[in-house]
Protein backbone atom coordinates (compact mmCIF):
# COMPACT_ATOMS: atom_id res chain seq x y z
CA UNK A 1 0.00 0.00 0.00
CA UNK A 2 1.37 3.39 -0.98
CA UNK A 3 2.08 5.77 1.86
CA UNK A 4 1.20 9.48 1.96
CA UNK A 5 2.40 12.24 4.25
CA UNK A 6 -0.08 14.03 6.49
CA UNK A 7 1.21 17.26 8.04
CA UNK A 8 -0.58 19.08 10.87
CA UNK A 9 0.40 22.22 12.72
CA UNK A 10 -0.40 22.38 16.42
CA UNK A 11 0.72 24.11 19.57
CA UNK A 12 4.22 22.91 20.57
CA UNK A 13 3.18 22.14 24.15
CA UNK A 14 0.16 20.14 22.95
CA UNK A 15 2.41 18.15 20.58
CA UNK A 16 4.84 17.32 23.41
CA UNK A 17 1.95 16.22 25.65
CA UNK A 18 0.44 14.15 22.83
CA UNK A 19 3.81 12.51 22.02
CA UNK A 20 4.35 11.67 25.69
CA UNK A 21 0.88 10.18 26.12
CA UNK A 22 1.19 8.16 22.91
CA UNK A 23 4.54 6.85 24.14
CA UNK A 24 2.86 5.83 27.42
CA UNK A 25 0.38 3.87 25.29
CA UNK A 26 3.28 2.20 23.48
CA UNK A 27 2.77 3.91 20.15
CA UNK A 28 3.94 6.88 18.16
CA UNK A 29 1.83 9.94 17.45
CA UNK A 30 1.66 8.83 13.80
CA UNK A 31 0.26 5.45 14.88
CA UNK A 32 -2.35 7.14 17.09
CA UNK A 33 -3.45 9.39 14.22
CA UNK A 34 -3.65 6.37 11.90
CA UNK A 35 -5.83 4.55 14.48
CA UNK A 36 -8.06 7.63 14.66
CA UNK A 37 -8.33 7.90 10.85
CA UNK A 38 -9.12 4.19 10.44
CA UNK A 39 -11.82 4.41 13.12
CA UNK A 40 -13.41 7.46 11.46
CA UNK A 41 -13.47 5.73 8.08
CA UNK A 42 -14.72 2.40 9.45
CA UNK A 43 -17.48 3.91 11.63
CA UNK A 44 -18.20 6.85 9.30
CA UNK A 45 -18.27 9.21 12.30
CA UNK A 46 -15.95 11.00 14.71
CA UNK A 47 -15.54 8.41 17.50
CA UNK A 48 -16.19 10.91 20.28
CA UNK A 49 -18.55 13.80 20.94
CA UNK A 50 -17.50 17.27 19.84
CA UNK A 51 -19.48 19.93 21.66
CA UNK A 52 -19.29 23.63 22.38
CA UNK A 53 -19.79 24.52 26.05
CA UNK A 54 -21.19 27.93 25.13
CA UNK A 55 -23.24 28.80 22.07
CA UNK A 56 -21.27 31.13 19.85
CA UNK A 57 -24.37 32.64 18.29
CA UNK A 58 -28.10 32.43 18.74
CA UNK A 59 -29.36 29.71 16.45
CA UNK A 60 -32.83 29.93 15.02
CA UNK A 61 -34.81 26.75 15.53
CA UNK A 62 -36.88 25.92 12.50
CA UNK A 63 -39.54 23.28 12.03
CA UNK A 64 -37.38 21.58 9.40
CA UNK A 65 -34.33 21.56 11.67
CA UNK A 66 -36.35 20.18 14.58
CA UNK A 67 -37.82 17.42 12.39
CA UNK A 68 -34.34 16.52 11.09
CA UNK A 69 -33.06 16.29 14.67
CA UNK A 70 -36.06 14.19 15.70
CA UNK A 71 -35.62 11.73 12.82
CA UNK A 72 -31.88 11.50 13.48
CA UNK A 73 -32.48 10.73 17.18
CA UNK A 74 -35.15 8.20 16.31
CA UNK A 75 -32.76 6.42 13.93
CA UNK A 76 -29.99 6.43 16.56
CA UNK A 77 -32.42 4.94 19.08
CA UNK A 78 -33.43 2.28 16.58
CA UNK A 79 -29.76 1.37 15.98
CA UNK A 80 -28.45 1.57 19.54
CA UNK A 81 -31.14 0.51 21.94
CA UNK A 82 -32.52 -2.94 22.65
CA UNK A 83 -35.89 -3.76 21.20
CA UNK A 84 -38.77 -5.29 23.10
CA UNK A 85 -38.46 -3.34 26.35
CA UNK A 86 -41.66 -2.95 28.31
CA UNK A 87 -42.90 0.45 29.41
CA UNK A 88 -41.94 -0.45 32.99
CA UNK A 89 -38.38 -1.31 31.89
CA UNK A 90 -38.08 1.93 29.96
CA UNK A 91 -39.33 3.94 32.95
CA UNK A 92 -36.85 2.13 35.22
CA UNK A 93 -33.99 3.06 32.88
CA UNK A 94 -35.14 6.69 32.92
CA UNK A 95 -35.32 6.63 36.74
CA UNK A 96 -31.80 5.20 36.99
CA UNK A 97 -30.45 7.85 34.63
CA UNK A 98 -32.22 10.75 36.36
CA UNK A 99 -31.20 9.79 39.86
CA UNK A 100 -27.82 8.21 39.16
CA UNK A 101 -28.92 4.78 40.38
CA UNK A 102 -26.61 1.90 39.49
CA UNK A 103 -27.83 -1.64 38.77
CA UNK A 104 -28.35 -3.63 41.94
CA UNK A 105 -29.11 -0.62 44.17
C-alpha atoms as a PDB file:
ATOM      1  CA  UNK A   1       0.000   0.000   0.000  1.00  0.00           C
ATOM      2  CA  UNK A   2       1.368   3.392  -0.982  1.00  0.00           C
ATOM      3  CA  UNK A   3       2.078   5.773   1.865  1.00  0.00           C
ATOM      4  CA  UNK A   4       1.198   9.475   1.956  1.00  0.00           C
ATOM      5  CA  UNK A   5       2.403  12.236   4.252  1.00  0.00           C
ATOM      6  CA  UNK A   6      -0.083  14.028   6.490  1.00  0.00           C
ATOM      7  CA  UNK A   7       1.208  17.263   8.042  1.00  0.00           C
ATOM      8  CA  UNK A   8      -0.576  19.079  10.873  1.00  0.00           C
ATOM      9  CA  UNK A   9       0.399  22.222  12.724  1.00  0.00           C
ATOM     10  CA  UNK A  10      -0.396  22.379  16.422  1.00  0.00           C
ATOM     11  CA  UNK A  11       0.721  24.107  19.573  1.00  0.00           C
ATOM     12  CA  UNK A  12       4.215  22.911  20.571  1.00  0.00           C
ATOM     13  CA  UNK A  13       3.178  22.140  24.154  1.00  0.00           C
ATOM     14  CA  UNK A  14       0.163  20.138  22.947  1.00  0.00           C
ATOM     15  CA  UNK A  15       2.409  18.152  20.584  1.00  0.00           C
ATOM     16  CA  UNK A  16       4.838  17.316  23.407  1.00  0.00           C
ATOM     17  CA  UNK A  17       1.945  16.217  25.652  1.00  0.00           C
ATOM     18  CA  UNK A  18       0.441  14.147  22.831  1.00  0.00           C
ATOM     19  CA  UNK A  19       3.805  12.507  22.020  1.00  0.00           C
ATOM     20  CA  UNK A  20       4.354  11.666  25.689  1.00  0.00           C
ATOM     21  CA  UNK A  21       0.883  10.183  26.117  1.00  0.00           C
ATOM     22  CA  UNK A  22       1.189   8.159  22.913  1.00  0.00           C
ATOM     23  CA  UNK A  23       4.542   6.848  24.143  1.00  0.00           C
ATOM     24  CA  UNK A  24       2.859   5.829  27.419  1.00  0.00           C
ATOM     25  CA  UNK A  25       0.381   3.868  25.289  1.00  0.00           C
ATOM     26  CA  UNK A  26       3.283   2.202  23.482  1.00  0.00           C
ATOM     27  CA  UNK A  27       2.773   3.905  20.147  1.00  0.00           C
ATOM     28  CA  UNK A  28       3.943   6.879  18.156  1.00  0.00           C
ATOM     29  CA  UNK A  29       1.826   9.941  17.450  1.00  0.00           C
ATOM     30  CA  UNK A  30       1.660   8.827  13.801  1.00  0.00           C
ATOM     31  CA  UNK A  31       0.260   5.446  14.880  1.00  0.00           C
ATOM     32  CA  UNK A  32      -2.351   7.145  17.088  1.00  0.00           C
ATOM     33  CA  UNK A  33      -3.452   9.390  14.224  1.00  0.00           C
ATOM     34  CA  UNK A  34      -3.653   6.365  11.901  1.00  0.00           C
ATOM     35  CA  UNK A  35      -5.827   4.555  14.479  1.00  0.00           C
ATOM     36  CA  UNK A  36      -8.065   7.627  14.659  1.00  0.00           C
ATOM     37  CA  UNK A  37      -8.333   7.905  10.850  1.00  0.00           C
ATOM     38  CA  UNK A  38      -9.118   4.192  10.443  1.00  0.00           C
ATOM     39  CA  UNK A  39     -11.822   4.410  13.117  1.00  0.00           C
ATOM     40  CA  UNK A  40     -13.412   7.463  11.465  1.00  0.00           C
ATOM     41  CA  UNK A  41     -13.469   5.734   8.077  1.00  0.00           C
ATOM     42  CA  UNK A  42     -14.721   2.400   9.452  1.00  0.00           C
ATOM     43  CA  UNK A  43     -17.476   3.912  11.631  1.00  0.00           C
ATOM     44  CA  UNK A  44     -18.203   6.855   9.304  1.00  0.00           C
ATOM     45  CA  UNK A  45     -18.268   9.207  12.302  1.00  0.00           C
ATOM     46  CA  UNK A  46     -15.954  10.998  14.706  1.00  0.00           C
ATOM     47  CA  UNK A  47     -15.535   8.410  17.504  1.00  0.00           C
ATOM     48  CA  UNK A  48     -16.194  10.909  20.284  1.00  0.00           C
ATOM     49  CA  UNK A  49     -18.554  13.796  20.935  1.00  0.00           C
ATOM     50  CA  UNK A  50     -17.504  17.266  19.837  1.00  0.00           C
ATOM     51  CA  UNK A  51     -19.482  19.931  21.656  1.00  0.00           C
ATOM     52  CA  UNK A  52     -19.286  23.628  22.376  1.00  0.00           C
ATOM     53  CA  UNK A  53     -19.789  24.518  26.051  1.00  0.00           C
ATOM     54  CA  UNK A  54     -21.192  27.931  25.134  1.00  0.00           C
ATOM     55  CA  UNK A  55     -23.237  28.796  22.070  1.00  0.00           C
ATOM     56  CA  UNK A  56     -21.269  31.134  19.846  1.00  0.00           C
ATOM     57  CA  UNK A  57     -24.370  32.641  18.288  1.00  0.00           C
ATOM     58  CA  UNK A  58     -28.102  32.430  18.735  1.00  0.00           C
ATOM     59  CA  UNK A  59     -29.364  29.714  16.454  1.00  0.00           C
ATOM     60  CA  UNK A  60     -32.832  29.931  15.020  1.00  0.00           C
ATOM     61  CA  UNK A  61     -34.808  26.754  15.534  1.00  0.00           C
ATOM     62  CA  UNK A  62     -36.876  25.917  12.503  1.00  0.00           C
ATOM     63  CA  UNK A  63     -39.540  23.276  12.028  1.00  0.00           C
ATOM     64  CA  UNK A  64     -37.375  21.580   9.399  1.00  0.00           C
ATOM     65  CA  UNK A  65     -34.327  21.555  11.669  1.00  0.00           C
ATOM     66  CA  UNK A  66     -36.352  20.180  14.575  1.00  0.00           C
ATOM     67  CA  UNK A  67     -37.817  17.420  12.394  1.00  0.00           C
ATOM     68  CA  UNK A  68     -34.340  16.522  11.089  1.00  0.00           C
ATOM     69  CA  UNK A  69     -33.055  16.288  14.668  1.00  0.00           C
ATOM     70  CA  UNK A  70     -36.058  14.191  15.704  1.00  0.00           C
ATOM     71  CA  UNK A  71     -35.619  11.726  12.825  1.00  0.00           C
ATOM     72  CA  UNK A  72     -31.883  11.499  13.483  1.00  0.00           C
ATOM     73  CA  UNK A  73     -32.478  10.734  17.177  1.00  0.00           C
ATOM     74  CA  UNK A  74     -35.153   8.197  16.308  1.00  0.00           C
ATOM     75  CA  UNK A  75     -32.756   6.415  13.932  1.00  0.00           C
ATOM     76  CA  UNK A  76     -29.994   6.427  16.556  1.00  0.00           C
ATOM     77  CA  UNK A  77     -32.415   4.940  19.079  1.00  0.00           C
ATOM     78  CA  UNK A  78     -33.429   2.276  16.581  1.00  0.00           C
ATOM     79  CA  UNK A  79     -29.763   1.367  15.977  1.00  0.00           C
ATOM     80  CA  UNK A  80     -28.446   1.572  19.540  1.00  0.00           C
ATOM     81  CA  UNK A  81     -31.144   0.511  21.943  1.00  0.00           C
ATOM     82  CA  UNK A  82     -32.523  -2.938  22.654  1.00  0.00           C
ATOM     83  CA  UNK A  83     -35.890  -3.757  21.200  1.00  0.00           C
ATOM     84  CA  UNK A  84     -38.772  -5.289  23.099  1.00  0.00           C
ATOM     85  CA  UNK A  85     -38.465  -3.343  26.346  1.00  0.00           C
ATOM     86  CA  UNK A  86     -41.659  -2.954  28.308  1.00  0.00           C
ATOM     87  CA  UNK A  87     -42.896   0.452  29.415  1.00  0.00           C
ATOM     88  CA  UNK A  88     -41.940  -0.446  32.988  1.00  0.00           C
ATOM     89  CA  UNK A  89     -38.378  -1.313  31.890  1.00  0.00           C
ATOM     90  CA  UNK A  90     -38.077   1.933  29.961  1.00  0.00           C
ATOM     91  CA  UNK A  91     -39.327   3.945  32.950  1.00  0.00           C
ATOM     92  CA  UNK A  92     -36.853   2.126  35.219  1.00  0.00           C
ATOM     93  CA  UNK A  93     -33.986   3.059  32.883  1.00  0.00           C
ATOM     94  CA  UNK A  94     -35.140   6.690  32.922  1.00  0.00           C
ATOM     95  CA  UNK A  95     -35.317   6.633  36.742  1.00  0.00           C
ATOM     96  CA  UNK A  96     -31.798   5.196  36.994  1.00  0.00           C
ATOM     97  CA  UNK A  97     -30.446   7.851  34.632  1.00  0.00           C
ATOM     98  CA  UNK A  98     -32.215  10.746  36.358  1.00  0.00           C
ATOM     99  CA  UNK A  99     -31.204   9.792  39.857  1.00  0.00           C
ATOM    100  CA  UNK A 100     -27.825   8.209  39.165  1.00  0.00           C
ATOM    101  CA  UNK A 101     -28.915   4.783  40.384  1.00  0.00           C
ATOM    102  CA  UNK A 102     -26.614   1.897  39.490  1.00  0.00           C
ATOM    103  CA  UNK A 103     -27.834  -1.635  38.766  1.00  0.00           C
ATOM    104  CA  UNK A 104     -28.347  -3.629  41.942  1.00  0.00           C
ATOM    105  CA  UNK A 105     -29.108  -0.623  44.165  1.00  0.00           C
END
